[in-house]
C-alpha atoms as a PDB file:
ATOM      1  CA  UNK A   1      -0.343   0.189   0.313  1.00  0.00           C
ATOM      2  CA  UNK A   2       2.601   2.324   1.417  1.00  0.00           C
ATOM      3  CA  UNK A   3       5.046   1.101  -2.741  1.00  0.00           C
ATOM      4  CA  UNK A   4       2.136   2.025  -4.494  1.00  0.00           C
ATOM      5  CA  UNK A   5       1.023   5.459  -3.433  1.00  0.00           C
ATOM      6  CA  UNK A   6       4.500   6.519  -2.839  1.00  0.00           C
ATOM      7  CA  UNK A   7       5.874   5.297  -6.238  1.00  0.00           C
ATOM      8  CA  UNK A   8       2.885   4.522  -8.247  1.00  0.00           C
ATOM      9  CA  UNK A   9       0.904   6.917  -6.882  1.00  0.00           C
ATOM     10  CA  UNK A  10      -2.145   5.337  -6.629  1.00  0.00           C
ATOM     11  CA  UNK A  11      -4.376   5.532  -3.399  1.00  0.00           C
ATOM     12  CA  UNK A  12      -6.537   2.716  -2.846  1.00  0.00           C
ATOM     13  CA  UNK A  13      -9.581   3.771  -1.196  1.00  0.00           C
ATOM     14  CA  UNK A  14     -11.744   1.018  -0.577  1.00  0.00           C
ATOM     15  CA  UNK A  15      -9.175  -1.027   2.046  1.00  0.00           C
ATOM     16  CA  UNK A  16     -11.813  -4.311   3.719  1.00  0.00           C
ATOM     17  CA  UNK A  17     -10.697  -7.311   5.230  1.00  0.00           C
ATOM     18  CA  UNK A  18     -12.334  -8.432   1.740  1.00  0.00           C
ATOM     19  CA  UNK A  19      -9.369  -6.983  -0.221  1.00  0.00           C
ATOM     20  CA  UNK A  20      -6.694  -8.543   2.355  1.00  0.00           C
ATOM     21  CA  UNK A  21      -4.915 -11.347   0.370  1.00  0.00           C
ATOM     22  CA  UNK A  22      -2.175 -13.595   1.875  1.00  0.00           C
ATOM     23  CA  UNK A  23       0.082 -16.003  -0.133  1.00  0.00           C
ATOM     24  CA  UNK A  24       3.270 -17.992   1.060  1.00  0.00           C
ATOM     25  CA  UNK A  25       6.636 -18.800   0.435  1.00  0.00           C
ATOM     26  CA  UNK A  26       8.674 -21.118   1.913  1.00  0.00           C
ATOM     27  CA  UNK A  27       9.653 -18.574   4.870  1.00  0.00           C
ATOM     28  CA  UNK A  28       6.690 -16.435   5.311  1.00  0.00           C
ATOM     29  CA  UNK A  29       3.014 -15.709   4.558  1.00  0.00           C
ATOM     30  CA  UNK A  30       3.429 -11.989   2.080  1.00  0.00           C
ATOM     31  CA  UNK A  31       0.403 -10.114   1.746  1.00  0.00           C
ATOM     32  CA  UNK A  32      -1.476  -8.856  -0.534  1.00  0.00           C
ATOM     33  CA  UNK A  33      -4.223  -6.098  -1.232  1.00  0.00           C
ATOM     34  CA  UNK A  34      -5.844  -6.325  -4.611  1.00  0.00           C
ATOM     35  CA  UNK A  35      -9.465  -4.667  -5.874  1.00  0.00           C
ATOM     36  CA  UNK A  36      -7.635  -1.187  -6.363  1.00  0.00           C
ATOM     37  CA  UNK A  37     -10.850  -0.297  -8.824  1.00  0.00           C
ATOM     38  CA  UNK A  38     -11.767   2.447  -6.750  1.00  0.00           C
ATOM     39  CA  UNK A  39      -8.646   3.365  -6.706  1.00  0.00           C
ATOM     40  CA  UNK A  40      -7.134   7.184  -7.308  1.00  0.00           C
ATOM     41  CA  UNK A  41      -4.087   8.506  -9.106  1.00  0.00           C
ATOM     42  CA  UNK A  42      -2.784  11.490  -6.934  1.00  0.00           C
ATOM     43  CA  UNK A  43      -1.110  14.546  -7.103  1.00  0.00           C
ATOM     44  CA  UNK A  44       3.163  14.842  -6.191  1.00  0.00           C
ATOM     45  CA  UNK A  45       1.516  16.671  -3.198  1.00  0.00           C
ATOM     46  CA  UNK A  46      -0.496  13.388  -2.106  1.00  0.00           C
ATOM     47  CA  UNK A  47      -3.796  15.449  -2.781  1.00  0.00           C
ATOM     48  CA  UNK A  48      -6.500  13.075  -4.696  1.00  0.00           C
ATOM     49  CA  UNK A  49      -7.059  13.942  -8.813  1.00  0.00           C
ATOM     50  CA  UNK A  50      -9.891  15.841  -8.487  1.00  0.00           C
ATOM     51  CA  UNK A  51     -12.160  14.131 -10.312  1.00  0.00           C
ATOM     52  CA  UNK A  52     -12.572  11.125  -7.267  1.00  0.00           C
ATOM     53  CA  UNK A  53     -11.524  13.430  -4.536  1.00  0.00           C
ATOM     54  CA  UNK A  54     -14.851  13.945  -3.529  1.00  0.00           C
ATOM     55  CA  UNK A  55     -16.327  10.669  -4.238  1.00  0.00           C
ATOM     56  CA  UNK A  56     -17.171   8.636  -0.772  1.00  0.00           C
ATOM     57  CA  UNK A  57     -15.608   4.928  -1.907  1.00  0.00           C
ATOM     58  CA  UNK A  58     -14.507   2.415   1.624  1.00  0.00           C
ATOM     59  CA  UNK A  59     -16.357  -0.262   3.154  1.00  0.00           C
ATOM     60  CA  UNK A  60     -18.378   0.944   5.937  1.00  0.00           C
ATOM     61  CA  UNK A  61     -17.086  -1.058   8.678  1.00  0.00           C
ATOM     62  CA  UNK A  62     -13.876   0.401   7.526  1.00  0.00           C
ATOM     63  CA  UNK A  63     -14.476   4.206   6.943  1.00  0.00           C
ATOM     64  CA  UNK A  64     -12.625   6.696   8.135  1.00  0.00           C
ATOM     65  CA  UNK A  65     -14.051   8.095  10.755  1.00  0.00           C
ATOM     66  CA  UNK A  66     -14.124  11.445   8.947  1.00  0.00           C
ATOM     67  CA  UNK A  67     -15.839  10.078   5.763  1.00  0.00           C
ATOM     68  CA  UNK A  68     -18.550   9.785   7.544  1.00  0.00           C
ATOM     69  CA  UNK A  69     -20.237  12.423   7.250  1.00  0.00           C
ATOM     70  CA  UNK A  70     -23.583  13.502   4.456  1.00  0.00           C
ATOM     71  CA  UNK A  71     -20.679  16.378   2.219  1.00  0.00           C
ATOM     72  CA  UNK A  72     -17.767  14.077   2.183  1.00  0.00           C
ATOM     73  CA  UNK A  73     -14.670  15.489   2.575  1.00  0.00           C
ATOM     74  CA  UNK A  74     -11.154  14.086   0.158  1.00  0.00           C
ATOM     75  CA  UNK A  75     -10.300  10.867   0.807  1.00  0.00           C
ATOM     76  CA  UNK A  76      -6.181  11.115   1.545  1.00  0.00           C
ATOM     77  CA  UNK A  77      -3.990   8.602   2.524  1.00  0.00           C
ATOM     78  CA  UNK A  78      -4.279   8.529   6.340  1.00  0.00           C
ATOM     79  CA  UNK A  79      -7.828   7.969   6.117  1.00  0.00           C
ATOM     80  CA  UNK A  80      -6.512   4.494   3.737  1.00  0.00           C
ATOM     81  CA  UNK A  81      -4.323   3.649   7.378  1.00  0.00           C
ATOM     82  CA  UNK A  82      -6.996   3.774   9.208  1.00  0.00           C
ATOM     83  CA  UNK A  83      -8.732   1.608   8.114  1.00  0.00           C
ATOM     84  CA  UNK A  84      -6.360  -0.490   8.265  1.00  0.00           C
ATOM     85  CA  UNK A  85      -6.991  -0.380  12.036  1.00  0.00           C
ATOM     86  CA  UNK A  86     -10.214  -0.717  11.923  1.00  0.00           C
ATOM     87  CA  UNK A  87      -9.353  -4.158   9.704  1.00  0.00           C
ATOM     88  CA  UNK A  88      -7.488  -5.943  13.370  1.00  0.00           C
ATOM     89  CA  UNK A  89     -10.485  -4.760  15.100  1.00  0.00           C
ATOM     90  CA  UNK A  90     -12.560  -6.478  12.816  1.00  0.00           C
ATOM     91  CA  UNK A  91     -10.473  -9.585  12.486  1.00  0.00           C
ATOM     92  CA  UNK A  92     -10.408  -9.754  16.222  1.00  0.00           C
ATOM     93  CA  UNK A  93     -14.062 -10.346  16.869  1.00  0.00           C
ATOM     94  CA  UNK A  94     -14.938 -12.181  13.835  1.00  0.00           C
ATOM     95  CA  UNK A  95     -11.739 -14.373  12.548  1.00  0.00           C
ATOM     96  CA  UNK A  96     -11.911 -17.960  14.330  1.00  0.00           C
ATOM     97  CA  UNK A  97      -7.931 -18.851  12.698  1.00  0.00           C
ATOM     98  CA  UNK A  98      -7.831 -22.324  15.096  1.00  0.00           C
ATOM     99  CA  UNK A  99     -10.891 -23.600  12.695  1.00  0.00           C
ATOM    100  CA  UNK A 100     -10.952 -21.240   9.758  1.00  0.00           C
ATOM    101  CA  UNK A 101     -13.822 -19.681  10.471  1.00  0.00           C
ATOM    102  CA  UNK A 102     -14.907 -16.070  10.241  1.00  0.00           C
ATOM    103  CA  UNK A 103     -17.981 -15.498  12.861  1.00  0.00           C
ATOM    104  CA  UNK A 104     -20.832 -14.270   9.660  1.00  0.00           C
ATOM    105  CA  UNK A 105     -22.961 -11.716  12.228  1.00  0.00           C
ATOM    106  CA  UNK A 106     -21.691  -8.909  13.193  1.00  0.00           C
ATOM    107  CA  UNK A 107     -20.028  -8.320  16.412  1.00  0.00           C
ATOM    108  CA  UNK A 108     -23.039  -6.477  18.950  1.00  0.00           C
ATOM    109  CA  UNK A 109     -19.584  -3.943  20.513  1.00  0.00           C
ATOM    110  CA  UNK A 110     -19.345  -2.976  16.925  1.00  0.00           C
ATOM    111  CA  UNK A 111     -22.937  -3.566  15.020  1.00  0.00           C
ATOM    112  CA  UNK A 112     -23.223   0.152  14.340  1.00  0.00           C
ATOM    113  CA  UNK A 113     -20.142   0.059  12.446  1.00  0.00           C
ATOM    114  CA  UNK A 114     -21.628  -1.542   9.878  1.00  0.00           C
ATOM    115  CA  UNK A 115     -24.594   0.647  10.116  1.00  0.00           C
ATOM    116  CA  UNK A 116     -25.479   2.991   6.345  1.00  0.00           C
ATOM    117  CA  UNK A 117     -26.669   5.889   8.193  1.00  0.00           C
ATOM    118  CA  UNK A 118     -24.251   7.781   8.140  1.00  0.00           C
ATOM    119  CA  UNK A 119     -24.528   9.710  12.602  1.00  0.00           C
ATOM    120  CA  UNK A 120     -24.452   6.451  13.673  1.00  0.00           C
ATOM    121  CA  UNK A 121     -21.600   4.559  12.492  1.00  0.00           C
ATOM    122  CA  UNK A 122     -20.015   7.900  12.444  1.00  0.00           C
ATOM    123  CA  UNK A 123     -21.182   8.175  16.525  1.00  0.00           C
ATOM    124  CA  UNK A 124     -20.468   4.293  17.736  1.00  0.00           C
ATOM    125  CA  UNK A 125     -16.550   4.184  15.549  1.00  0.00           C
ATOM    126  CA  UNK A 126     -16.290   7.639  17.266  1.00  0.00           C
ATOM    127  CA  UNK A 127     -16.497   6.122  20.358  1.00  0.00           C
ATOM    128  CA  UNK A 128     -13.266   3.461  20.110  1.00  0.00           C
ATOM    129  CA  UNK A 129     -10.213   6.038  19.911  1.00  0.00           C
ATOM    130  CA  UNK A 130     -11.689   8.360  22.902  1.00  0.00           C
ATOM    131  CA  UNK A 131     -13.686   6.067  25.011  1.00  0.00           C
ATOM    132  CA  UNK A 132     -12.038   3.132  27.658  1.00  0.00           C
ATOM    133  CA  UNK A 133     -15.339   1.861  29.082  1.00  0.00           C
ATOM    134  CA  UNK A 134     -16.411   1.113  25.153  1.00  0.00           C
ATOM    135  CA  UNK A 135     -12.722  -0.091  23.390  1.00  0.00           C
ATOM    136  CA  UNK A 136     -12.459  -2.695  26.565  1.00  0.00           C
ATOM    137  CA  UNK A 137     -16.068  -3.383  25.911  1.00  0.00           C
ATOM    138  CA  UNK A 138     -14.601  -4.539  22.105  1.00  0.00           C
ATOM    139  CA  UNK A 139     -11.192  -6.168  22.849  1.00  0.00           C
ATOM    140  CA  UNK A 140     -12.875  -8.523  25.406  1.00  0.00           C
ATOM    141  CA  UNK A 141     -14.803 -10.003  23.061  1.00  0.00           C
ATOM    142  CA  UNK A 142     -11.178 -10.837  21.378  1.00  0.00           C
ATOM    143  CA  UNK A 143     -10.747 -13.918  19.937  1.00  0.00           C
ATOM    144  CA  UNK A 144      -7.587 -16.058  21.748  1.00  0.00           C
ATOM    145  CA  UNK A 145      -5.566 -15.752  18.530  1.00  0.00           C
ATOM    146  CA  UNK A 146      -5.961 -12.331  18.153  1.00  0.00           C
ATOM    147  CA  UNK A 147      -5.191 -10.673  21.733  1.00  0.00           C
ATOM    148  CA  UNK A 148      -1.207 -10.643  21.257  1.00  0.00           C
ATOM    149  CA  UNK A 149      -1.974  -7.354  18.474  1.00  0.00           C
ATOM    150  CA  UNK A 150      -3.461  -5.262  21.475  1.00  0.00           C
ATOM    151  CA  UNK A 151      -0.008  -4.559  23.348  1.00  0.00           C
ATOM    152  CA  UNK A 152       1.552  -5.436  20.256  1.00  0.00           C
ATOM    153  CA  UNK A 153      -0.573  -2.268  17.506  1.00  0.00           C
ATOM    154  CA  UNK A 154      -4.012  -2.378  18.034  1.00  0.00           C
ATOM    155  CA  UNK A 155      -4.020  -0.516  21.989  1.00  0.00           C
ATOM    156  CA  UNK A 156      -0.708   1.422  20.444  1.00  0.00           C
ATOM    157  CA  UNK A 157      -2.249   2.639  17.609  1.00  0.00           C
ATOM    158  CA  UNK A 158      -5.634   3.283  19.465  1.00  0.00           C
ATOM    159  CA  UNK A 159      -4.040   5.775  21.439  1.00  0.00           C
ATOM    160  CA  UNK A 160      -1.801   7.280  17.554  1.00  0.00           C
ATOM    161  CA  UNK A 161      -5.435   8.544  16.370  1.00  0.00           C
ATOM    162  CA  UNK A 162      -6.965   9.318  19.438  1.00  0.00           C
ATOM    163  CA  UNK A 163      -4.986  11.830  19.564  1.00  0.00           C
ATOM    164  CA  UNK A 164      -5.647  12.870  16.656  1.00  0.00           C
ATOM    165  CA  UNK A 165      -8.937  13.393  16.959  1.00  0.00           C
ATOM    166  CA  UNK A 166      -8.055  15.776  19.932  1.00  0.00           C
ATOM    167  CA  UNK A 167      -6.369  17.487  18.607  1.00  0.00           C
ATOM    168  CA  UNK A 168      -8.446  18.129  15.341  1.00  0.00           C
ATOM    169  CA  UNK A 169     -11.554  18.249  17.446  1.00  0.00           C
ATOM    170  CA  UNK A 170      -9.391  21.119  19.715  1.00  0.00           C
ATOM    171  CA  UNK A 171      -8.297  23.459  16.135  1.00  0.00           C
ATOM    172  CA  UNK A 172     -11.405  23.479  14.428  1.00  0.00           C
ATOM    173  CA  UNK A 173     -12.601  24.740  18.887  1.00  0.00           C
ATOM    174  CA  UNK A 174      -9.910  27.576  18.544  1.00  0.00           C
ATOM    175  CA  UNK A 175     -11.268  28.382  15.032  1.00  0.00           C
ATOM    176  CA  UNK A 176     -14.709  28.582  16.012  1.00  0.00           C
ATOM    177  CA  UNK A 177     -14.443  29.865  19.661  1.00  0.00           C
ATOM    178  CA  UNK A 178     -11.783  32.893  19.315  1.00  0.00           C
ATOM    179  CA  UNK A 179     -11.538  32.607  16.134  1.00  0.00           C
ATOM    180  CA  UNK A 180      -7.650  32.040  16.340  1.00  0.00           C
ATOM    181  CA  UNK A 181      -7.339  29.530  12.453  1.00  0.00           C
ATOM    182  CA  UNK A 182      -3.941  27.218  13.289  1.00  0.00           C
ATOM    183  CA  UNK A 183      -2.494  25.914  10.155  1.00  0.00           C
ATOM    184  CA  UNK A 184      -3.369  21.803   9.919  1.00  0.00           C
ATOM    185  CA  UNK A 185      -2.144  19.498   8.814  1.00  0.00           C
ATOM    186  CA  UNK A 186      -5.610  17.370   6.881  1.00  0.00           C
ATOM    187  CA  UNK A 187      -3.523  14.661   4.880  1.00  0.00           C
ATOM    188  CA  UNK A 188      -1.458  13.459   7.582  1.00  0.00           C
ATOM    189  CA  UNK A 189      -3.226  15.328  11.238  1.00  0.00           C
ATOM    190  CA  UNK A 190      -0.761  17.018  11.782  1.00  0.00           C
ATOM    191  CA  UNK A 191       1.821  14.503  11.647  1.00  0.00           C
ATOM    192  CA  UNK A 192       0.741  12.269  13.694  1.00  0.00           C
ATOM    193  CA  UNK A 193      -1.309   9.617  11.771  1.00  0.00           C
ATOM    194  CA  UNK A 194       1.848   8.142   8.924  1.00  0.00           C
ATOM    195  CA  UNK A 195       3.294   5.491   7.140  1.00  0.00           C
ATOM    196  CA  UNK A 196       6.926   6.398   9.395  1.00  0.00           C
ATOM    197  CA  UNK A 197       4.290   6.245  12.605  1.00  0.00           C
ATOM    198  CA  UNK A 198       2.595   3.169  12.139  1.00  0.00           C
ATOM    199  CA  UNK A 199       6.125   0.998  10.710  1.00  0.00           C
ATOM    200  CA  UNK A 200       8.064   2.519  13.902  1.00  0.00           C
ATOM    201  CA  UNK A 201       5.832  -0.267  15.761  1.00  0.00           C
ATOM    202  CA  UNK A 202       6.981  -2.914  14.515  1.00  0.00           C
ATOM    203  CA  UNK A 203       9.593  -3.728  11.083  1.00  0.00           C
ATOM    204  CA  UNK A 204       9.263  -2.465   8.175  1.00  0.00           C
ATOM    205  CA  UNK A 205       7.980  -4.334   5.677  1.00  0.00           C
ATOM    206  CA  UNK A 206       9.870  -5.454   2.827  1.00  0.00           C
ATOM    207  CA  UNK A 207      10.028  -4.596  -0.712  1.00  0.00           C
ATOM    208  CA  UNK A 208      10.851  -0.191   0.653  1.00  0.00           C
ATOM    209  CA  UNK A 209      14.041   1.338  -0.114  1.00  0.00           C
ATOM    210  CA  UNK A 210      16.488   1.840   3.056  1.00  0.00           C
ATOM    211  CA  UNK A 211      15.167   5.799   2.580  1.00  0.00           C
ATOM    212  CA  UNK A 212      15.761   8.254   6.087  1.00  0.00           C
ATOM    213  CA  UNK A 213      12.554   8.915   7.068  1.00  0.00           C
ATOM    214  CA  UNK A 214      11.620  10.884  10.056  1.00  0.00           C
ATOM    215  CA  UNK A 215       9.720   8.533  12.686  1.00  0.00           C
ATOM    216  CA  UNK A 216       7.459  10.088  15.889  1.00  0.00           C
ATOM    217  CA  UNK A 217       7.337   6.886  17.712  1.00  0.00           C
ATOM    218  CA  UNK A 218       3.578   6.777  19.799  1.00  0.00           C
ATOM    219  CA  UNK A 219       4.082   7.357  22.536  1.00  0.00           C
ATOM    220  CA  UNK A 220       2.550   4.974  25.975  1.00  0.00           C
ATOM    221  CA  UNK A 221      -0.150   7.125  27.109  1.00  0.00           C
ATOM    222  CA  UNK A 222      -2.807   5.786  30.036  1.00  0.00           C
ATOM    223  CA  UNK A 223      -6.351   5.062  28.832  1.00  0.00           C
ATOM    224  CA  UNK A 224      -9.039   6.999  30.203  1.00  0.00           C
END
């Protein structure tokens, strides 16, 4: 995904569990991202070409929070990254790796993520990075095979997105109440939601160059 965006200038825009595949070689499982029908070309600065910028795409349970509104904003790279987090959560609740089965019925903790009503889906998903009781309810329902992902991936990512949500809310509040329009980079949520910040949690994926990057590892914080 990162390679396609950075080198191929293409943004997938429909990250879902059905679009993720894998194949085994002698030593490991190789991930494959398929179904690029809704992909968009991006400009050199990373913005989506205007012809598709405001076209809502995505599979509802994995759609980024910012896109679950009536007046759809531009689909940005950070929105695709957010979808990967929701897939991890969804898989933890619905996939039984031991029996190779997927639970068809939506888990009660996230059933509203799949709501057709945009406001309902938005409000339900908004609780995930900001409300500890709701998050606790979700991870309590995880299948055993996915529990090791909670401390290493899911919780650090949830905290990272939570900080981004709070900072964006604060920026919008200042603009509304005080007329203070601070500079804000929507594409990366002011540098918080980037490939580098996600990759630094573990190892950088294969087939990427060893180019120097500036990373800002997510700091640990106590959930409220």
